Amino acid sequence: MAKPEWGTKRTCLSCSARFYDMLRSPITCPKCGTTLDPEAPFKVKRPTAADKSRLAAEKKAAAAALLVDDVADDEDDVADVDDNDEDDSGLIEDASDLGEDDDDMAEVMEHVDGDLEDEV
């Protein structure tokens, strides 16, 4: 058992040496000479599985909130563009000059049917 005159057993945060403070103030590590703050925590708490899942949920919620804000900003930008552009008729493409797709589709079907026969 430790003697009360030796003081409190401490651990140096710099070199991890264990020592008694010998009731001295300020507390200095005998191995490396670092002055210790008695109010500083000894060990950093490692996150548990519950902490990790809580942090992951918080990150996910923050990302979702950021995404919602970005979408809202984009909708505002689109609304601004729509308000400024009153003539939308120029945006619709005239498809009459594109021709029919029947010939192209028949050619594609021939190739697909030929590939299927080769596989069998």
Protein backbone atom coordinates (compact mmCIF):
# COMPACT_ATOMS: atom_id res chain seq x y z
CA MET A 1 0.00 0.00 0.00
CA ALA A 2 1.22 3.49 -0.85
CA LYS A 3 2.33 5.81 1.91
CA PRO A 4 0.24 8.97 2.31
CA GLU A 5 3.37 11.15 2.49
CA TRP A 6 4.20 10.16 -1.10
CA GLY A 7 1.07 11.90 -2.35
CA THR A 8 -1.01 10.82 -5.31
CA LYS A 9 0.21 8.41 -7.95
CA ARG A 10 0.37 10.23 -11.29
CA THR A 11 1.09 9.35 -14.90
CA CYS A 12 3.03 11.73 -17.10
CA LEU A 13 1.08 12.75 -20.20
CA SER A 14 4.31 13.19 -22.18
CA CYS A 15 6.34 10.06 -21.43
CA SER A 16 3.72 7.87 -19.67
CA ALA A 17 5.96 7.37 -16.65
CA ARG A 18 4.16 6.58 -13.39
CA PHE A 19 5.26 8.40 -10.27
CA TYR A 20 4.06 9.88 -6.98
CA ASP A 21 3.69 13.65 -6.84
CA MET A 22 5.28 13.77 -3.34
CA LEU A 23 2.74 16.48 -2.45
CA ARG A 24 4.74 19.03 -4.45
CA SER A 25 3.34 21.91 -6.40
CA PRO A 26 3.79 22.23 -9.34
CA ILE A 27 3.84 18.55 -10.18
CA THR A 28 6.81 17.68 -12.39
CA CYS A 29 7.65 14.36 -13.97
CA PRO A 30 10.93 12.99 -12.55
CA LYS A 31 11.73 11.22 -15.83
CA CYS A 32 11.20 13.96 -18.46
CA GLY A 33 10.69 17.09 -16.33
CA THR A 34 7.28 18.00 -17.80
CA THR A 35 5.03 20.06 -15.54
CA LEU A 36 1.66 18.36 -15.13
CA ASP A 37 -1.70 20.02 -14.76
CA PRO A 38 -3.68 18.12 -12.11
CA GLU A 39 -6.96 19.24 -13.74
CA ALA A 40 -6.04 17.65 -17.09
CA PRO A 41 -7.71 14.30 -17.81
CA PHE A 42 -5.48 11.27 -17.54
CA LYS A 43 -6.85 9.28 -20.45
CA VAL A 44 -8.76 10.31 -23.49
CA LYS A 45 -12.04 8.45 -23.64
CA ARG A 46 -12.18 6.09 -26.57
CA PRO A 47 -15.49 6.08 -28.36
CA THR A 48 -17.65 3.03 -27.79
CA ALA A 49 -19.78 1.35 -30.44
CA ALA A 50 -22.78 3.41 -29.28
CA ASP A 51 -20.74 6.62 -29.55
CA LYS A 52 -19.58 5.67 -33.05
CA SER A 53 -23.12 4.95 -34.22
CA ARG A 54 -24.34 8.22 -32.69
CA LEU A 55 -21.56 10.15 -34.42
CA ALA A 56 -22.33 8.41 -37.72
CA ALA A 57 -26.01 9.33 -37.36
CA GLU A 58 -25.10 12.95 -36.61
CA LYS A 59 -22.83 13.10 -39.66
CA LYS A 60 -25.54 11.58 -41.83
CA ALA A 61 -28.12 14.07 -40.53
CA ALA A 62 -25.73 16.97 -41.12
CA ALA A 63 -25.04 15.77 -44.67
CA ALA A 64 -28.78 15.42 -45.33
CA ALA A 65 -29.42 18.92 -44.00
CA LEU A 66 -26.64 20.29 -46.20
CA LEU A 67 -28.11 18.48 -49.21
CA VAL A 68 -31.58 19.91 -48.47
CA ASP A 69 -30.09 23.40 -48.23
CA ASP A 70 -28.27 22.93 -51.56
CA VAL A 71 -31.45 21.68 -53.25
CA ALA A 72 -33.41 24.63 -51.88
CA ASP A 73 -30.74 27.02 -53.19
CA ASP A 74 -30.84 25.34 -56.61
CA GLU A 75 -34.65 25.62 -56.71
CA ASP A 76 -34.35 29.33 -55.94
CA ASP A 77 -31.86 29.69 -58.79
CA VAL A 78 -34.22 27.84 -61.15
CA ALA A 79 -37.12 30.02 -60.05
CA ASP A 80 -35.03 33.12 -60.77
CA VAL A 81 -34.23 31.86 -64.27
CA ASP A 82 -37.89 30.99 -64.96
CA ASP A 83 -39.00 34.43 -63.84
CA ASN A 84 -36.49 36.12 -66.12
CA ASP A 85 -37.26 34.00 -69.21
CA GLU A 86 -40.83 34.63 -70.31
CA ASP A 87 -40.55 33.12 -73.82
CA ASP A 88 -40.10 29.35 -73.45
CA SER A 89 -41.08 28.51 -77.04
CA GLY A 90 -37.45 28.65 -78.21
CA LEU A 91 -36.51 25.86 -75.81
CA ILE A 92 -38.61 23.16 -77.52
CA GLU A 93 -36.77 21.44 -80.33
CA ASP A 94 -38.52 20.88 -83.65
CA ALA A 95 -38.33 17.11 -84.19
CA SER A 96 -39.86 17.11 -87.68
CA ASP A 97 -36.46 17.25 -89.40
CA LEU A 98 -35.07 14.28 -87.47
CA GLY A 99 -36.83 11.66 -89.60
CA GLU A 100 -38.29 8.32 -88.65
CA ASP A 101 -36.63 5.74 -86.42
CA ASP A 102 -38.27 2.68 -88.00
CA ASP A 103 -35.33 1.88 -90.32
CA ASP A 104 -32.78 2.35 -87.56
CA MET A 105 -34.77 0.19 -85.17
CA ALA A 106 -35.11 -2.63 -87.72
CA GLU A 107 -31.34 -2.60 -88.24
CA VAL A 108 -30.72 -2.80 -84.49
CA MET A 109 -33.17 -5.69 -84.14
CA GLU A 110 -31.37 -7.62 -86.92
CA HIS A 111 -28.09 -7.32 -85.03
CA VAL A 112 -29.67 -8.34 -81.73
CA ASP A 113 -31.40 -11.36 -83.33
CA GLY A 114 -28.13 -12.38 -85.00
CA ASP A 115 -26.22 -12.17 -81.72
CA LEU A 116 -28.83 -14.31 -79.96
CA GLU A 117 -28.65 -17.03 -82.64
CA ASP A 118 -24.84 -17.10 -82.35
CA GLU A 119 -25.06 -17.69 -78.59
CA VAL A 120 -27.42 -20.71 -78.92
